[in-house]
C-alpha atoms as a PDB file:
ATOM      1  CA  MET A   1     -50.723  25.423 138.531  1.00  0.00           C
ATOM      2  CA  ALA A   2     -50.492  25.195 142.231  1.00  0.00           C
ATOM      3  CA  PHE A   3     -52.726  22.323 143.115  1.00  0.00           C
ATOM      4  CA  LYS A   4     -52.450  18.681 142.024  1.00  0.00           C
ATOM      5  CA  PHE A   5     -56.078  18.498 140.843  1.00  0.00           C
ATOM      6  CA  GLU A   6     -55.675  21.319 138.330  1.00  0.00           C
ATOM      7  CA  ASN A   7     -53.588  19.098 136.042  1.00  0.00           C
ATOM      8  CA  LEU A   8     -56.156  16.311 136.020  1.00  0.00           C
ATOM      9  CA  LYS A   9     -57.982  16.077 132.737  1.00  0.00           C
ATOM     10  CA  VAL A  10     -60.909  14.392 134.521  1.00  0.00           C
ATOM     11  CA  TRP A  11     -61.263  17.475 136.836  1.00  0.00           C
ATOM     12  CA  GLN A  12     -61.236  19.787 133.786  1.00  0.00           C
ATOM     13  CA  ALA A  13     -63.922  17.600 132.142  1.00  0.00           C
ATOM     14  CA  SER A  14     -65.949  17.771 135.422  1.00  0.00           C
ATOM     15  CA  LEU A  15     -65.853  21.559 135.245  1.00  0.00           C
ATOM     16  CA  ASP A  16     -67.219  21.466 131.741  1.00  0.00           C
ATOM     17  CA  LEU A  17     -70.048  19.173 132.862  1.00  0.00           C
ATOM     18  CA  ALA A  18     -70.865  21.451 135.797  1.00  0.00           C
ATOM     19  CA  ASP A  19     -71.011  24.486 133.482  1.00  0.00           C
ATOM     20  CA  ASP A  20     -73.140  22.680 130.885  1.00  0.00           C
ATOM     21  CA  VAL A  21     -75.538  21.320 133.489  1.00  0.00           C
ATOM     22  CA  ASP A  22     -75.882  24.771 134.974  1.00  0.00           C
ATOM     23  CA  LYS A  23     -77.011  26.110 131.628  1.00  0.00           C
ATOM     24  CA  LEU A  24     -79.301  23.191 131.051  1.00  0.00           C
ATOM     25  CA  ALA A  25     -80.950  23.563 134.440  1.00  0.00           C
ATOM     26  CA  GLN A  26     -81.772  27.164 133.748  1.00  0.00           C
ATOM     27  CA  THR A  27     -84.117  25.989 131.013  1.00  0.00           C
ATOM     28  CA  PHE A  28     -86.156  23.808 133.322  1.00  0.00           C
ATOM     29  CA  PRO A  29     -89.518  25.144 134.481  1.00  0.00           C
ATOM     30  CA  LYS A  30     -89.570  27.525 137.480  1.00  0.00           C
ATOM     31  CA  HIS A  31     -91.405  25.077 139.652  1.00  0.00           C
ATOM     32  CA  GLU A  32     -88.374  22.805 139.478  1.00  0.00           C
ATOM     33  CA  LEU A  33     -86.082  25.520 140.824  1.00  0.00           C
ATOM     34  CA  TYR A  34     -85.777  24.047 144.280  1.00  0.00           C
ATOM     35  CA  SER A  35     -86.097  20.403 143.297  1.00  0.00           C
ATOM     36  CA  LEU A  36     -84.806  18.866 140.001  1.00  0.00           C
ATOM     37  CA  SER A  37     -82.949  22.030 138.813  1.00  0.00           C
ATOM     38  CA  SER A  38     -81.130  22.245 142.170  1.00  0.00           C
ATOM     39  CA  GLN A  39     -80.507  18.514 142.429  1.00  0.00           C
ATOM     40  CA  ILE A  40     -78.837  18.131 139.084  1.00  0.00           C
ATOM     41  CA  LYS A  41     -76.686  21.233 139.581  1.00  0.00           C
ATOM     42  CA  ARG A  42     -75.552  19.986 143.008  1.00  0.00           C
ATOM     43  CA  ALA A  43     -74.755  16.523 141.606  1.00  0.00           C
ATOM     44  CA  ALA A  44     -72.723  17.960 138.690  1.00  0.00           C
ATOM     45  CA  ASP A  45     -70.873  20.346 141.025  1.00  0.00           C
ATOM     46  CA  SER A  46     -70.138  17.444 143.395  1.00  0.00           C
ATOM     47  CA  VAL A  47     -68.182  15.595 140.730  1.00  0.00           C
ATOM     48  CA  SER A  48     -65.561  18.320 140.518  1.00  0.00           C
ATOM     49  CA  LEU A  49     -65.575  19.112 144.251  1.00  0.00           C
ATOM     50  CA  ASN A  50     -64.958  15.530 145.232  1.00  0.00           C
ATOM     51  CA  ILE A  51     -62.067  15.258 142.867  1.00  0.00           C
ATOM     52  CA  VAL A  52     -60.535  18.337 144.439  1.00  0.00           C
ATOM     53  CA  GLU A  53     -61.231  17.159 148.018  1.00  0.00           C
ATOM     54  CA  GLY A  54     -59.722  13.840 147.379  1.00  0.00           C
ATOM     55  CA  SER A  55     -56.566  15.178 145.842  1.00  0.00           C
ATOM     56  CA  THR A  56     -55.513  17.149 148.950  1.00  0.00           C
ATOM     57  CA  GLY A  57     -52.585  15.029 149.904  1.00  0.00           C
ATOM     58  CA  LEU A  58     -54.563  12.203 151.544  1.00  0.00           C
ATOM     59  CA  SER A  59     -53.613   8.588 151.130  1.00  0.00           C
ATOM     60  CA  ASN A  60     -54.255   6.834 147.850  1.00  0.00           C
ATOM     61  CA  LEU A  61     -57.023   4.911 149.469  1.00  0.00           C
ATOM     62  CA  GLU A  62     -58.766   8.144 150.428  1.00  0.00           C
ATOM     63  CA  PHE A  63     -58.267   9.675 147.024  1.00  0.00           C
ATOM     64  CA  LYS A  64     -59.883   6.600 145.456  1.00  0.00           C
ATOM     65  CA  ARG A  65     -62.742   6.912 147.869  1.00  0.00           C
ATOM     66  CA  PHE A  66     -63.423  10.529 146.850  1.00  0.00           C
ATOM     67  CA  LEU A  67     -63.123   9.591 143.167  1.00  0.00           C
ATOM     68  CA  ARG A  68     -65.759   6.928 143.702  1.00  0.00           C
ATOM     69  CA  ILE A  69     -67.954   9.496 145.327  1.00  0.00           C
ATOM     70  CA  ALA A  70     -67.381  11.725 142.290  1.00  0.00           C
ATOM     71  CA  ASN A  71     -68.292   8.775 140.090  1.00  0.00           C
ATOM     72  CA  ARG A  72     -71.585   8.276 141.976  1.00  0.00           C
ATOM     73  CA  SER A  73     -72.384  11.971 141.627  1.00  0.00           C
ATOM     74  CA  ALA A  74     -71.894  11.737 137.869  1.00  0.00           C
ATOM     75  CA  LEU A  75     -74.396   8.846 137.768  1.00  0.00           C
ATOM     76  CA  GLU A  76     -76.783  10.965 139.888  1.00  0.00           C
ATOM     77  CA  VAL A  77     -76.707  13.461 137.081  1.00  0.00           C
ATOM     78  CA  VAL A  78     -77.710  10.765 134.649  1.00  0.00           C
ATOM     79  CA  GLY A  79     -80.650   9.860 136.869  1.00  0.00           C
ATOM     80  CA  CYS A  80     -81.683  13.468 136.869  1.00  0.00           C
ATOM     81  CA  LEU A  81     -81.418  13.578 133.090  1.00  0.00           C
ATOM     82  CA  PHE A  82     -83.791  10.605 132.841  1.00  0.00           C
ATOM     83  CA  LEU A  83     -86.282  12.407 135.006  1.00  0.00           C
ATOM     84  CA  ALA A  84     -85.888  15.622 132.925  1.00  0.00           C
ATOM     85  CA  LYS A  85     -86.506  13.671 129.834  1.00  0.00           C
ATOM     86  CA  ARG A  86     -89.525  11.875 131.150  1.00  0.00           C
ATOM     87  CA  ARG A  87     -91.011  15.283 132.225  1.00  0.00           C
ATOM     88  CA  ASN A  88     -90.248  16.693 128.794  1.00  0.00           C
ATOM     89  CA  TYR A  89     -87.854  19.289 130.033  1.00  0.00           C
ATOM     90  CA  ILE A  90     -85.217  18.119 127.556  1.00  0.00           C
ATOM     91  CA  GLY A  91     -85.335  16.372 124.264  1.00  0.00           C
ATOM     92  CA  ASN A  92     -83.480  13.386 122.910  1.00  0.00           C
ATOM     93  CA  ASP A  93     -80.705  15.366 121.479  1.00  0.00           C
ATOM     94  CA  ASP A  94     -79.781  17.123 124.754  1.00  0.00           C
ATOM     95  CA  PHE A  95     -80.208  13.885 126.664  1.00  0.00           C
ATOM     96  CA  ASN A  96     -77.917  11.961 124.390  1.00  0.00           C
ATOM     97  CA  LYS A  97     -75.256  14.821 124.409  1.00  0.00           C
ATOM     98  CA  PHE A  98     -75.138  14.861 128.186  1.00  0.00           C
ATOM     99  CA  TYR A  99     -75.300  11.079 128.440  1.00  0.00           C
ATOM    100  CA  LEU A 100     -72.262  10.779 126.265  1.00  0.00           C
ATOM    101  CA  GLN A 101     -70.482  13.455 128.110  1.00  0.00           C
ATOM    102  CA  ILE A 102     -71.056  11.752 131.387  1.00  0.00           C
ATOM    103  CA  GLU A 103     -70.214   8.363 130.051  1.00  0.00           C
ATOM    104  CA  THR A 104     -66.787   9.653 129.010  1.00  0.00           C
ATOM    105  CA  LEU A 105     -66.323  11.313 132.370  1.00  0.00           C
ATOM    106  CA  VAL A 106     -67.130   8.137 134.163  1.00  0.00           C
ATOM    107  CA  LYS A 107     -64.630   6.166 132.073  1.00  0.00           C
ATOM    108  CA  MET A 108     -62.004   8.823 132.906  1.00  0.00           C
ATOM    109  CA  LEU A 109     -62.825   8.615 136.676  1.00  0.00           C
ATOM    110  CA  GLN A 110     -62.726   4.752 136.548  1.00  0.00           C
ATOM    111  CA  SER A 111     -59.386   4.783 134.713  1.00  0.00           C
ATOM    112  CA  LEU A 112     -57.897   7.150 137.292  1.00  0.00           C
ATOM    113  CA  ILE A 113     -59.250   4.958 140.142  1.00  0.00           C
ATOM    114  CA  ASN A 114     -57.761   1.931 138.498  1.00  0.00           C
ATOM    115  CA  SER A 115     -54.409   3.584 137.988  1.00  0.00           C
ATOM    116  CA  ILE A 116     -53.885   4.471 141.727  1.00  0.00           C
ATOM    117  CA  LYS A 117     -52.029   1.941 143.772  1.00  0.00           C
ATOM    118  CA  ASP A 118     -53.540   1.113 147.215  1.00  0.00           C
END
C-alpha cells in the first residue's frame, strides 16, 4: 500500500460506512434526493476523505485536526439518521445498526486522536 492512510483500520471502517450509507440513501424518497439523501452521503464520505487529507504528511497537530473534522462528520451522519427515522425513511433496526457502526467508528477515531503526540 502506497499511502499511510490505507493501513489505517479507521479509514477502512469509514469506507464501509460510506458504502453502507450510499445504499441506505438510495432507499429514501425521491423528494429527498437533493436534501437529506445528499447530506447524509456527503457527511459519510467526508469521514474517509478527512482521514485521507489529514494523513498527507502534515504535522501531528494538523492530522489530529482533520481527524476531529472526520469525527464531526460521523456525528453529522447520526443527526441525519435521526431525521430519517423521524420521517419514517428507516426503521429501528436500520437506525440501530448504523448507530452502532458509527459509535464504533467514532471510538476508533478518538483512540487514534488520543494516540497521536502533539
